[in-house]
Structures are given as C-alpha cells and as structure tokens.
Amino acid sequence: MPGAGPVNKLVVSGAVLAALAGCAAEPVKLQKERSYVLEWIGERPLMDYSHLTLTLAEDGRAYGNGGCNHWFAQYSLQGEKLSFGAIGSTRKMCAPALMEQEQRFFKALATVQRWDVSPIEQVRFWPVEGKPLRFWPEED
C-alpha cells in the first residue's frame, strides 16, 4: 500500500486477520452418532484397502467394521476419558493378514483410556501403553 500511513496499514492488517479468523474451521471433537475411519493402530498403518470404522451411539453402544467382521461393545465417555467394554463381533473368516489386523484393533480398543485431537486434527484413542489408535471423521 504505497503512501498509506501506519494507522491505515494497521486497520487493513486487523481486518485481514479478523476475516481469516472468521474462516477458521471449528476444532475437531469426538462426536456421537458420527462414524470415524481408522488410519493407524499404534505404530502401524492399516493394510491397503482395509476399512475399519467406529461409531459411538448416543445409547452407550460402540460399533463398526473391523476390516473383516462387524464389531460392537459398550463404551463410557466422560470428558476426555474413554473406555470400551467387552468387544463382540461377527465370525466371518478373511485372509490371515486381515484377521491379524482386526485382532490388533480389537485388542488396542479394549485398552483405551482417553481420547484427544492431534495437531493435524486426527482423533486419537490412547491405550494404557503405547501409541494411539488414530481416526479421521468419515466423510458424509
């Protein structure tokens, strides 16, 4: 802005910052009745083309797809504390690698104690020990 005084530059800078702040997305939070897609189990990414999901229902039931079988469990959510009860599933057989991944998912889910959102806005479920389960909200 040639010729603009310091006050004019300050007003324009403030207007630009206000406009950008108005465009900022709402922070990601854990929502009930929303499906999430798993990307990582602890230190390992998912196998290509496997689709593991999780939904937290309003009535305290959690359910989704384990990559091979449909699964279900009770859950408790209080603030950032999150835990799952015994996990049940259908009993379809799939390729051994897919079955192993599903069992790792169920085992990790059973040890979750809390959740948070990462700096890249991924929802993370933290087990007693180790790296988290990392989820993305499923696209509508």
N, C-alpha and C. Protein backbone atom coordinates (compact mmCIF):
# COMPACT_ATOMS: atom_id res chain seq x y z
N MET A 1 0.83 -1.17 0.00
CA MET A 1 0.00 0.00 0.00
C MET A 1 0.87 1.23 0.00
N PRO A 2 1.26 1.68 -1.16
CA PRO A 2 2.12 2.86 -1.22
C PRO A 2 1.37 4.07 -0.67
N GLY A 3 2.06 4.83 0.12
CA GLY A 3 1.52 6.08 0.63
C GLY A 3 0.57 5.92 1.81
N ALA A 4 0.24 4.71 2.17
CA ALA A 4 -0.67 4.51 3.31
C ALA A 4 0.11 4.72 4.59
N GLY A 5 -0.50 5.40 5.51
CA GLY A 5 0.15 5.65 6.79
C GLY A 5 0.12 4.41 7.67
N PRO A 6 0.85 4.45 8.79
CA PRO A 6 0.91 3.30 9.69
C PRO A 6 -0.46 2.92 10.25
N VAL A 7 -1.33 3.91 10.47
CA VAL A 7 -2.64 3.61 11.02
C VAL A 7 -3.48 2.84 10.00
N ASN A 8 -3.44 3.27 8.72
CA ASN A 8 -4.20 2.58 7.67
C ASN A 8 -3.72 1.15 7.50
N LYS A 9 -2.41 0.93 7.54
CA LYS A 9 -1.87 -0.43 7.42
C LYS A 9 -2.33 -1.29 8.58
N LEU A 10 -2.39 -0.70 9.77
CA LEU A 10 -2.82 -1.43 10.95
C LEU A 10 -4.29 -1.82 10.84
N VAL A 11 -5.12 -0.91 10.34
CA VAL A 11 -6.55 -1.19 10.18
C VAL A 11 -6.75 -2.30 9.16
N VAL A 12 -6.05 -2.22 8.03
CA VAL A 12 -6.17 -3.26 6.99
C VAL A 12 -5.66 -4.59 7.52
N SER A 13 -4.53 -4.60 8.23
CA SER A 13 -3.99 -5.84 8.80
C SER A 13 -4.98 -6.46 9.78
N GLY A 14 -5.59 -5.62 10.60
CA GLY A 14 -6.59 -6.11 11.56
C GLY A 14 -7.79 -6.69 10.85
N ALA A 15 -8.22 -6.07 9.77
CA ALA A 15 -9.38 -6.56 9.01
C ALA A 15 -9.06 -7.91 8.35
N VAL A 16 -7.86 -8.04 7.83
CA VAL A 16 -7.45 -9.31 7.21
C VAL A 16 -7.41 -10.42 8.26
N LEU A 17 -6.83 -10.14 9.42
CA LEU A 17 -6.77 -11.14 10.49
C LEU A 17 -8.17 -11.53 10.97
N ALA A 18 -9.06 -10.56 11.09
CA ALA A 18 -10.43 -10.85 11.51
C ALA A 18 -11.13 -11.73 10.48
N ALA A 19 -10.91 -11.44 9.21
CA ALA A 19 -11.53 -12.25 8.15
C ALA A 19 -10.99 -13.67 8.18
N LEU A 20 -9.69 -13.81 8.37
CA LEU A 20 -9.11 -15.15 8.44
C LEU A 20 -9.62 -15.91 9.66
N ALA A 21 -9.74 -15.24 10.77
CA ALA A 21 -10.25 -15.90 11.97
C ALA A 21 -11.68 -16.35 11.77
N GLY A 22 -12.48 -15.59 11.05
CA GLY A 22 -13.85 -15.96 10.76
C GLY A 22 -13.93 -17.18 9.87
N CYS A 23 -12.90 -17.44 9.07
CA CYS A 23 -12.88 -18.58 8.17
C CYS A 23 -12.33 -19.83 8.83
N ALA A 24 -11.75 -19.68 10.01
CA ALA A 24 -11.12 -20.83 10.67
C ALA A 24 -12.17 -21.91 10.94
N ALA A 25 -11.79 -23.14 10.69
CA ALA A 25 -12.69 -24.26 10.93
C ALA A 25 -12.86 -24.48 12.43
N GLU A 26 -14.01 -25.01 12.81
CA GLU A 26 -14.22 -25.35 14.21
C GLU A 26 -13.26 -26.47 14.58
N PRO A 27 -12.81 -26.48 15.83
CA PRO A 27 -11.90 -27.56 16.23
C PRO A 27 -12.62 -28.91 16.16
N VAL A 28 -11.86 -29.93 15.83
CA VAL A 28 -12.40 -31.29 15.75
C VAL A 28 -12.69 -31.77 17.16
N LYS A 29 -13.81 -32.45 17.34
CA LYS A 29 -14.11 -33.03 18.64
C LYS A 29 -14.75 -34.39 18.40
N LEU A 30 -14.73 -35.20 19.41
CA LEU A 30 -15.32 -36.53 19.33
C LEU A 30 -16.83 -36.38 19.39
N GLN A 31 -17.51 -36.86 18.36
CA GLN A 31 -18.96 -36.69 18.27
C GLN A 31 -19.66 -38.04 18.29
N LYS A 32 -20.76 -38.08 19.01
CA LYS A 32 -21.59 -39.28 18.99
C LYS A 32 -22.40 -39.28 17.69
N GLU A 33 -22.77 -40.48 17.27
CA GLU A 33 -23.54 -40.69 16.04
C GLU A 33 -22.78 -40.23 14.80
N ARG A 34 -21.46 -40.23 14.87
CA ARG A 34 -20.61 -39.90 13.73
C ARG A 34 -19.65 -41.05 13.53
N SER A 35 -19.44 -41.46 12.29
CA SER A 35 -18.51 -42.55 12.01
C SER A 35 -17.10 -42.01 11.82
N TYR A 36 -16.14 -42.80 12.31
CA TYR A 36 -14.73 -42.47 12.18
C TYR A 36 -14.03 -43.63 11.48
N VAL A 37 -13.06 -43.30 10.65
CA VAL A 37 -12.31 -44.30 9.90
C VAL A 37 -10.91 -44.39 10.51
N LEU A 38 -10.50 -45.61 10.84
CA LEU A 38 -9.20 -45.83 11.45
C LEU A 38 -8.10 -45.74 10.40
N GLU A 39 -7.00 -45.07 10.75
CA GLU A 39 -5.85 -44.97 9.84
C GLU A 39 -4.63 -45.72 10.39
N TRP A 40 -4.43 -45.69 11.70
CA TRP A 40 -3.27 -46.32 12.33
C TRP A 40 -3.71 -47.08 13.56
N ILE A 41 -3.09 -48.23 13.80
CA ILE A 41 -3.23 -48.96 15.06
C ILE A 41 -1.86 -48.90 15.70
N GLY A 42 -1.72 -48.05 16.71
CA GLY A 42 -0.42 -47.91 17.37
C GLY A 42 0.62 -47.41 16.40
N GLU A 43 1.65 -48.22 16.21
CA GLU A 43 2.78 -47.81 15.36
C GLU A 43 2.63 -48.26 13.92
N ARG A 44 1.51 -48.92 13.58
CA ARG A 44 1.39 -49.49 12.24
C ARG A 44 0.18 -48.93 11.49
N PRO A 45 0.40 -48.51 10.23
CA PRO A 45 -0.73 -48.07 9.42
C PRO A 45 -1.57 -49.28 9.02
N LEU A 46 -2.78 -49.03 8.57
CA LEU A 46 -3.64 -50.12 8.13
C LEU A 46 -3.17 -50.66 6.78
N MET A 47 -3.54 -51.90 6.53
CA MET A 47 -3.26 -52.51 5.23
C MET A 47 -4.05 -51.76 4.16
N ASP A 48 -3.50 -51.71 2.96
CA ASP A 48 -4.20 -51.07 1.85
C ASP A 48 -5.59 -51.64 1.68
N TYR A 49 -6.53 -50.76 1.41
CA TYR A 49 -7.92 -51.10 1.09
C TYR A 49 -8.70 -51.73 2.24
N SER A 50 -8.13 -51.81 3.44
CA SER A 50 -8.93 -52.29 4.57
C SER A 50 -9.68 -51.07 5.12
N HIS A 51 -10.87 -51.28 5.58
CA HIS A 51 -11.74 -50.18 6.01
C HIS A 51 -12.27 -50.49 7.40
N LEU A 52 -11.61 -49.95 8.43
CA LEU A 52 -12.01 -50.16 9.81
C LEU A 52 -12.71 -48.90 10.31
N THR A 53 -13.87 -49.08 10.94
CA THR A 53 -14.65 -47.93 11.34
C THR A 53 -15.11 -48.05 12.79
N LEU A 54 -15.54 -46.91 13.33
CA LEU A 54 -16.06 -46.83 14.68
C LEU A 54 -17.14 -45.77 14.73
N THR A 55 -18.24 -46.08 15.38
CA THR A 55 -19.31 -45.11 15.65
C THR A 55 -19.67 -45.23 17.12
N LEU A 56 -19.82 -44.10 17.79
CA LEU A 56 -20.26 -44.07 19.18
C LEU A 56 -21.72 -43.64 19.18
N ALA A 57 -22.63 -44.54 19.52
CA ALA A 57 -24.05 -44.23 19.54
C ALA A 57 -24.40 -43.47 20.82
N GLU A 58 -25.48 -42.73 20.78
CA GLU A 58 -25.96 -41.97 21.94
C GLU A 58 -26.27 -42.87 23.13
N ASP A 59 -26.68 -44.12 22.88
CA ASP A 59 -27.12 -45.02 23.96
C ASP A 59 -26.00 -45.79 24.64
N GLY A 60 -24.72 -45.43 24.36
CA GLY A 60 -23.60 -46.09 25.02
C GLY A 60 -23.06 -47.31 24.29
N ARG A 61 -23.57 -47.55 23.08
CA ARG A 61 -23.04 -48.65 22.26
C ARG A 61 -22.05 -48.10 21.25
N ALA A 62 -20.97 -48.82 21.06
CA ALA A 62 -20.00 -48.52 20.00
C ALA A 62 -20.07 -49.67 19.01
N TYR A 63 -19.87 -49.36 17.74
CA TYR A 63 -19.92 -50.41 16.73
C TYR A 63 -19.18 -49.95 15.48
N GLY A 64 -18.91 -50.90 14.60
CA GLY A 64 -18.24 -50.55 13.35
C GLY A 64 -17.82 -51.79 12.60
N ASN A 65 -16.86 -51.58 11.71
CA ASN A 65 -16.32 -52.66 10.90
C ASN A 65 -14.86 -52.85 11.29
N GLY A 66 -14.47 -54.08 11.56
CA GLY A 66 -13.10 -54.38 11.95
C GLY A 66 -12.19 -54.72 10.78
N GLY A 67 -12.69 -54.53 9.57
CA GLY A 67 -11.90 -54.86 8.38
C GLY A 67 -12.38 -56.15 7.77
N CYS A 68 -12.88 -57.06 8.59
CA CYS A 68 -13.44 -58.33 8.14
C CYS A 68 -14.83 -58.50 8.74
N ASN A 69 -14.93 -58.33 10.05
CA ASN A 69 -16.18 -58.55 10.78
C ASN A 69 -16.75 -57.24 11.32
N HIS A 70 -18.06 -57.25 11.53
CA HIS A 70 -18.70 -56.15 12.24
C HIS A 70 -18.47 -56.37 13.73
N TRP A 71 -18.24 -55.30 14.47
CA TRP A 71 -17.97 -55.41 15.89
C TRP A 71 -18.90 -54.49 16.68
N PHE A 72 -18.98 -54.74 17.99
CA PHE A 72 -19.84 -53.95 18.86
C PHE A 72 -19.33 -54.06 20.29
N ALA A 73 -19.60 -53.03 21.09
CA ALA A 73 -19.19 -53.01 22.50
C ALA A 73 -19.94 -51.87 23.19
N GLN A 74 -19.97 -51.90 24.50
CA GLN A 74 -20.44 -50.77 25.28
C GLN A 74 -19.25 -49.83 25.46
N TYR A 75 -19.52 -48.54 25.63
CA TYR A 75 -18.43 -47.60 25.90
C TYR A 75 -18.87 -46.61 26.97
N SER A 76 -17.87 -45.98 27.58
CA SER A 76 -18.09 -44.93 28.56
C SER A 76 -17.26 -43.73 28.15
N LEU A 77 -17.90 -42.58 28.04
CA LEU A 77 -17.22 -41.35 27.64
C LEU A 77 -17.55 -40.27 28.66
N GLN A 78 -16.52 -39.80 29.36
CA GLN A 78 -16.68 -38.74 30.35
C GLN A 78 -15.54 -37.75 30.15
N GLY A 79 -15.84 -36.63 29.49
CA GLY A 79 -14.80 -35.67 29.17
C GLY A 79 -13.80 -36.29 28.22
N GLU A 80 -12.52 -36.31 28.64
CA GLU A 80 -11.50 -36.93 27.78
C GLU A 80 -11.25 -38.39 28.13
N LYS A 81 -11.96 -38.91 29.12
CA LYS A 81 -11.83 -40.33 29.48
C LYS A 81 -12.75 -41.15 28.60
N LEU A 82 -12.22 -42.24 28.06
CA LEU A 82 -12.96 -43.11 27.17
C LEU A 82 -12.54 -44.54 27.43
N SER A 83 -13.51 -45.43 27.54
CA SER A 83 -13.19 -46.84 27.70
C SER A 83 -14.26 -47.68 27.03
N PHE A 84 -13.88 -48.90 26.68
CA PHE A 84 -14.77 -49.83 25.99
C PHE A 84 -14.92 -51.10 26.82
N GLY A 85 -16.13 -51.66 26.79
CA GLY A 85 -16.38 -52.94 27.44
C GLY A 85 -15.93 -54.07 26.54
N ALA A 86 -16.37 -55.29 26.87
CA ALA A 86 -16.01 -56.46 26.08
C ALA A 86 -16.46 -56.27 24.63
N ILE A 87 -15.58 -56.59 23.71
CA ILE A 87 -15.85 -56.41 22.28
C ILE A 87 -16.34 -57.73 21.69
N GLY A 88 -17.47 -57.68 21.03
CA GLY A 88 -18.02 -58.82 20.32
C GLY A 88 -17.96 -58.55 18.83
N SER A 89 -18.04 -59.60 18.04
CA SER A 89 -18.03 -59.41 16.59
C SER A 89 -18.69 -60.59 15.90
N THR A 90 -19.00 -60.38 14.63
CA THR A 90 -19.44 -61.49 13.82
C THR A 90 -18.26 -62.43 13.64
N ARG A 91 -18.45 -63.57 13.00
CA ARG A 91 -17.37 -64.57 12.94
C ARG A 91 -17.00 -64.98 11.53
N LYS A 92 -16.99 -64.04 10.64
CA LYS A 92 -16.59 -64.32 9.26
C LYS A 92 -15.07 -64.50 9.21
N MET A 93 -14.60 -65.37 8.34
CA MET A 93 -13.16 -65.57 8.16
C MET A 93 -12.70 -64.78 6.93
N CYS A 94 -11.54 -64.18 7.06
CA CYS A 94 -10.94 -63.43 5.96
C CYS A 94 -9.48 -63.87 5.83
N ALA A 95 -8.76 -63.20 4.97
CA ALA A 95 -7.33 -63.50 4.79
C ALA A 95 -6.61 -63.38 6.13
N PRO A 96 -5.62 -64.24 6.40
CA PRO A 96 -4.93 -64.21 7.70
C PRO A 96 -4.38 -62.83 8.10
N ALA A 97 -3.83 -62.09 7.16
CA ALA A 97 -3.28 -60.77 7.50
C ALA A 97 -4.39 -59.81 7.93
N LEU A 98 -5.54 -59.89 7.30
CA LEU A 98 -6.66 -59.05 7.67
C LEU A 98 -7.22 -59.44 9.04
N MET A 99 -7.26 -60.73 9.31
CA MET A 99 -7.72 -61.22 10.62
C MET A 99 -6.76 -60.77 11.73
N GLU A 100 -5.46 -60.81 11.46
CA GLU A 100 -4.46 -60.37 12.45
C GLU A 100 -4.62 -58.88 12.73
N GLN A 101 -4.82 -58.09 11.70
CA GLN A 101 -5.01 -56.65 11.87
C GLN A 101 -6.28 -56.37 12.69
N GLU A 102 -7.35 -57.09 12.39
CA GLU A 102 -8.59 -56.91 13.12
C GLU A 102 -8.40 -57.24 14.61
N GLN A 103 -7.70 -58.31 14.91
CA GLN A 103 -7.45 -58.68 16.30
C GLN A 103 -6.60 -57.64 17.01
N ARG A 104 -5.61 -57.05 16.32
CA ARG A 104 -4.81 -55.97 16.91
C ARG A 104 -5.70 -54.77 17.22
N PHE A 105 -6.63 -54.47 16.33
CA PHE A 105 -7.57 -53.37 16.53
C PHE A 105 -8.43 -53.63 17.76
N PHE A 106 -9.02 -54.81 17.86
CA PHE A 106 -9.88 -55.14 19.00
C PHE A 106 -9.09 -55.10 20.31
N LYS A 107 -7.88 -55.62 20.29
CA LYS A 107 -7.04 -55.64 21.50
C LYS A 107 -6.68 -54.21 21.93
N ALA A 108 -6.32 -53.37 20.97
CA ALA A 108 -5.97 -51.98 21.29
C ALA A 108 -7.21 -51.22 21.79
N LEU A 109 -8.34 -51.43 21.15
CA LEU A 109 -9.58 -50.75 21.55
C LEU A 109 -9.95 -51.11 22.99
N ALA A 110 -9.73 -52.34 23.37
CA ALA A 110 -10.08 -52.79 24.73
C ALA A 110 -9.23 -52.13 25.81
N THR A 111 -8.07 -51.55 25.44
CA THR A 111 -7.20 -50.92 26.44
C THR A 111 -7.25 -49.40 26.41
N VAL A 112 -8.13 -48.82 25.60
CA VAL A 112 -8.23 -47.35 25.51
C VAL A 112 -8.64 -46.77 26.85
N GLN A 113 -7.98 -45.64 27.22
CA GLN A 113 -8.30 -44.95 28.47
C GLN A 113 -8.75 -43.51 28.26
N ARG A 114 -8.30 -42.90 27.16
CA ARG A 114 -8.64 -41.50 26.93
C ARG A 114 -8.57 -41.19 25.44
N TRP A 115 -9.08 -40.01 25.07
CA TRP A 115 -9.02 -39.58 23.69
C TRP A 115 -8.55 -38.13 23.65
N ASP A 116 -8.04 -37.71 22.49
CA ASP A 116 -7.73 -36.30 22.25
C ASP A 116 -7.70 -36.07 20.75
N VAL A 117 -7.37 -34.84 20.37
CA VAL A 117 -7.26 -34.48 18.96
C VAL A 117 -5.83 -34.02 18.72
N SER A 118 -5.20 -34.56 17.67
CA SER A 118 -3.81 -34.24 17.36
C SER A 118 -3.70 -32.86 16.72
N PRO A 119 -2.48 -32.32 16.60
CA PRO A 119 -2.30 -31.03 15.93
C PRO A 119 -2.78 -31.04 14.47
N ILE A 120 -2.87 -32.22 13.85
CA ILE A 120 -3.37 -32.28 12.46
C ILE A 120 -4.85 -32.67 12.44
N GLU A 121 -5.51 -32.52 13.60
CA GLU A 121 -6.95 -32.72 13.76
C GLU A 121 -7.40 -34.16 13.55
N GLN A 122 -6.54 -35.10 13.90
CA GLN A 122 -6.92 -36.50 13.93
C GLN A 122 -7.42 -36.84 15.32
N VAL A 123 -8.47 -37.63 15.40
CA VAL A 123 -8.96 -38.10 16.69
C VAL A 123 -8.09 -39.28 17.11
N ARG A 124 -7.56 -39.23 18.34
CA ARG A 124 -6.69 -40.29 18.83
C ARG A 124 -7.28 -40.93 20.07
N PHE A 125 -7.24 -42.25 20.10
CA PHE A 125 -7.65 -43.02 21.28
C PHE A 125 -6.38 -43.60 21.88
N TRP A 126 -6.10 -43.23 23.12
CA TRP A 126 -4.86 -43.62 23.78
C TRP A 126 -5.06 -44.86 24.65
N PRO A 127 -4.28 -45.91 24.40
CA PRO A 127 -4.34 -47.11 25.24
C PRO A 127 -3.54 -46.90 26.53
N VAL A 128 -3.58 -47.90 27.40
CA VAL A 128 -2.81 -47.86 28.64
C VAL A 128 -1.34 -47.61 28.33
N GLU A 129 -0.81 -48.31 27.34
CA GLU A 129 0.59 -48.16 26.93
C GLU A 129 0.67 -48.05 25.42
N GLY A 130 1.70 -47.36 24.94
CA GLY A 130 1.98 -47.33 23.51
C GLY A 130 1.32 -46.19 22.76
N LYS A 131 1.39 -46.31 21.46
CA LYS A 131 0.89 -45.28 20.54
C LYS A 131 -0.63 -45.39 20.38
N PRO A 132 -1.27 -44.31 19.97
CA PRO A 132 -2.73 -44.31 19.90
C PRO A 132 -3.29 -44.95 18.62
N LEU A 133 -4.58 -45.24 18.70
CA LEU A 133 -5.37 -45.53 17.50
C LEU A 133 -5.68 -44.16 16.92
N ARG A 134 -5.53 -44.01 15.61
CA ARG A 134 -5.75 -42.69 15.00
C ARG A 134 -6.86 -42.77 13.97
N PHE A 135 -7.87 -41.91 14.13
CA PHE A 135 -9.06 -41.91 13.30
C PHE A 135 -9.26 -40.57 12.59
N TRP A 136 -9.94 -40.62 11.45
CA TRP A 136 -10.42 -39.44 10.75
C TRP A 136 -11.94 -39.51 10.73
N PRO A 137 -12.62 -38.38 10.88
CA PRO A 137 -14.08 -38.41 10.72
C PRO A 137 -14.40 -38.87 9.29
N GLU A 138 -15.38 -39.77 9.18
CA GLU A 138 -15.77 -40.27 7.85
C GLU A 138 -16.48 -39.17 7.10
N GLU A 139 -16.16 -39.03 5.83
CA GLU A 139 -16.79 -38.01 5.00
C GLU A 139 -18.26 -38.32 4.83
N ASP A 140 -19.09 -37.30 4.93
CA ASP A 140 -20.54 -37.50 4.77
C ASP A 140 -20.91 -37.79 3.33
